[in-house]
Amino acid sequence: MGGAFDPFPLLGGYYQSLLLYHFFDSGLFDLLAEPVTAEFAARRLGWRSHELALCLEFLRLTTGLVRSDRRKRFHLTLSEAQ
């Protein structure tokens, strides 16, 4: 028989899609057209900054759609192509 089923790669894709949908729907991606801190974005959206930073870091590490700089400011990589 085959190896054991590993659900973790599927879960990563599931969480990516949830975050992408909600971040687009909320207007966060509009804010990330320019580099901003998670604290700034969270304040503008009425969200908690620590959790937002964790989610943005997850997308940075798993999708490449988000980058961060030395000052911990996040921005969309899609805006670099424009």
C-alpha atoms as a PDB file:
ATOM      1  CA  MET A   1       0.000   0.000   0.000  1.00  0.00           C
ATOM      2  CA  GLY A   2       0.991   3.650  -0.349  1.00  0.00           C
ATOM      3  CA  GLY A   3       2.415   5.903   2.327  1.00  0.00           C
ATOM      4  CA  ALA A   4       0.390   7.576   5.012  1.00  0.00           C
ATOM      5  CA  PHE A   5      -1.809  10.470   3.960  1.00  0.00           C
ATOM      6  CA  ASP A   6      -0.297  13.847   4.877  1.00  0.00           C
ATOM      7  CA  PRO A   7      -3.025  16.535   5.138  1.00  0.00           C
ATOM      8  CA  PHE A   8      -0.702  19.429   5.953  1.00  0.00           C
ATOM      9  CA  PRO A   9       0.045  20.559   2.372  1.00  0.00           C
ATOM     10  CA  LEU A  10      -3.695  20.670   1.683  1.00  0.00           C
ATOM     11  CA  LEU A  11      -4.347  22.672   4.832  1.00  0.00           C
ATOM     12  CA  GLY A  12      -1.722  25.220   3.815  1.00  0.00           C
ATOM     13  CA  GLY A  13      -3.532  25.802   0.514  1.00  0.00           C
ATOM     14  CA  TYR A  14      -6.855  26.039   2.315  1.00  0.00           C
ATOM     15  CA  TYR A  15      -5.577  28.720   4.685  1.00  0.00           C
ATOM     16  CA  GLN A  16      -3.898  30.586   1.830  1.00  0.00           C
ATOM     17  CA  SER A  17      -7.157  30.762  -0.085  1.00  0.00           C
ATOM     18  CA  LEU A  18      -9.097  31.927   2.989  1.00  0.00           C
ATOM     19  CA  LEU A  19      -6.597  34.678   3.721  1.00  0.00           C
ATOM     20  CA  LEU A  20      -6.415  35.805   0.107  1.00  0.00           C
ATOM     21  CA  TYR A  21     -10.208  36.022  -0.129  1.00  0.00           C
ATOM     22  CA  HIS A  22     -10.648  37.946   3.125  1.00  0.00           C
ATOM     23  CA  PHE A  23      -7.680  40.234   2.562  1.00  0.00           C
ATOM     24  CA  PHE A  24      -8.967  41.156  -0.890  1.00  0.00           C
ATOM     25  CA  ASP A  25     -12.553  41.566   0.309  1.00  0.00           C
ATOM     26  CA  SER A  26     -11.553  43.751   3.282  1.00  0.00           C
ATOM     27  CA  GLY A  27      -9.411  46.163   1.281  1.00  0.00           C
ATOM     28  CA  LEU A  28      -6.154  45.088   2.937  1.00  0.00           C
ATOM     29  CA  PHE A  29      -4.514  44.488  -0.421  1.00  0.00           C
ATOM     30  CA  ASP A  30      -5.290  48.088  -1.368  1.00  0.00           C
ATOM     31  CA  LEU A  31      -3.367  49.200   1.725  1.00  0.00           C
ATOM     32  CA  LEU A  32      -0.466  46.913   0.794  1.00  0.00           C
ATOM     33  CA  ALA A  33       0.075  48.654  -2.528  1.00  0.00           C
ATOM     34  CA  GLU A  34       2.603  50.687  -0.540  1.00  0.00           C
ATOM     35  CA  PRO A  35       4.788  49.294   2.268  1.00  0.00           C
ATOM     36  CA  VAL A  36       2.946  49.501   5.604  1.00  0.00           C
ATOM     37  CA  THR A  37       3.370  47.878   8.986  1.00  0.00           C
ATOM     38  CA  ALA A  38       0.899  45.323  10.255  1.00  0.00           C
ATOM     39  CA  GLU A  39       0.102  47.758  13.057  1.00  0.00           C
ATOM     40  CA  PHE A  40      -0.853  50.508  10.611  1.00  0.00           C
ATOM     41  CA  ALA A  41      -3.002  48.194   8.482  1.00  0.00           C
ATOM     42  CA  ALA A  42      -4.669  46.664  11.534  1.00  0.00           C
ATOM     43  CA  ARG A  43      -5.526  50.091  12.914  1.00  0.00           C
ATOM     44  CA  ARG A  44      -7.076  51.143   9.597  1.00  0.00           C
ATOM     45  CA  LEU A  45      -9.163  47.957   9.386  1.00  0.00           C
ATOM     46  CA  GLY A  46     -10.013  47.575  13.074  1.00  0.00           C
ATOM     47  CA  TRP A  47      -8.091  44.298  13.346  1.00  0.00           C
ATOM     48  CA  ARG A  48      -5.551  42.950  15.834  1.00  0.00           C
ATOM     49  CA  SER A  49      -2.013  43.697  14.670  1.00  0.00           C
ATOM     50  CA  HIS A  50      -0.192  40.653  16.039  1.00  0.00           C
ATOM     51  CA  GLU A  51      -2.535  38.195  14.329  1.00  0.00           C
ATOM     52  CA  LEU A  52      -2.447  40.182  11.098  1.00  0.00           C
ATOM     53  CA  ALA A  53       1.366  40.149  11.134  1.00  0.00           C
ATOM     54  CA  LEU A  54       1.321  36.358  11.565  1.00  0.00           C
ATOM     55  CA  CYS A  55      -1.074  35.933   8.647  1.00  0.00           C
ATOM     56  CA  LEU A  56       0.947  38.239   6.418  1.00  0.00           C
ATOM     57  CA  GLU A  57       4.116  36.381   7.346  1.00  0.00           C
ATOM     58  CA  PHE A  58       2.402  33.087   6.462  1.00  0.00           C
ATOM     59  CA  LEU A  59       1.487  34.441   3.021  1.00  0.00           C
ATOM     60  CA  ARG A  60       5.003  35.813   2.568  1.00  0.00           C
ATOM     61  CA  LEU A  61       6.533  32.425   3.278  1.00  0.00           C
ATOM     62  CA  THR A  62       4.070  30.308   1.311  1.00  0.00           C
ATOM     63  CA  THR A  63       2.964  32.343  -1.705  1.00  0.00           C
ATOM     64  CA  GLY A  64       5.474  35.065  -2.517  1.00  0.00           C
ATOM     65  CA  LEU A  65       2.590  37.523  -2.988  1.00  0.00           C
ATOM     66  CA  VAL A  66       3.624  39.536   0.055  1.00  0.00           C
ATOM     67  CA  ARG A  67       7.071  40.846   0.915  1.00  0.00           C
ATOM     68  CA  SER A  68       8.437  42.560   3.988  1.00  0.00           C
ATOM     69  CA  ASP A  69      11.380  44.851   4.494  1.00  0.00           C
ATOM     70  CA  ARG A  70      13.817  45.416   7.352  1.00  0.00           C
ATOM     71  CA  ARG A  71      11.401  47.825   9.005  1.00  0.00           C
ATOM     72  CA  LYS A  72       8.741  45.078   9.105  1.00  0.00           C
ATOM     73  CA  ARG A  73       6.594  46.793   6.507  1.00  0.00           C
ATOM     74  CA  PHE A  74       4.575  44.523   4.243  1.00  0.00           C
ATOM     75  CA  HIS A  75       3.608  45.121   0.616  1.00  0.00           C
ATOM     76  CA  LEU A  76       2.174  43.186  -2.310  1.00  0.00           C
ATOM     77  CA  THR A  77       4.631  41.943  -4.881  1.00  0.00           C
ATOM     78  CA  LEU A  78       1.945  42.301  -7.560  1.00  0.00           C
ATOM     79  CA  SER A  79       2.229  46.079  -7.283  1.00  0.00           C
ATOM     80  CA  GLU A  80       5.898  45.843  -8.295  1.00  0.00           C
ATOM     81  CA  ALA A  81       4.928  44.707 -11.804  1.00  0.00           C
ATOM     82  CA  GLN A  82       2.774  47.783 -12.445  1.00  0.00           C
END
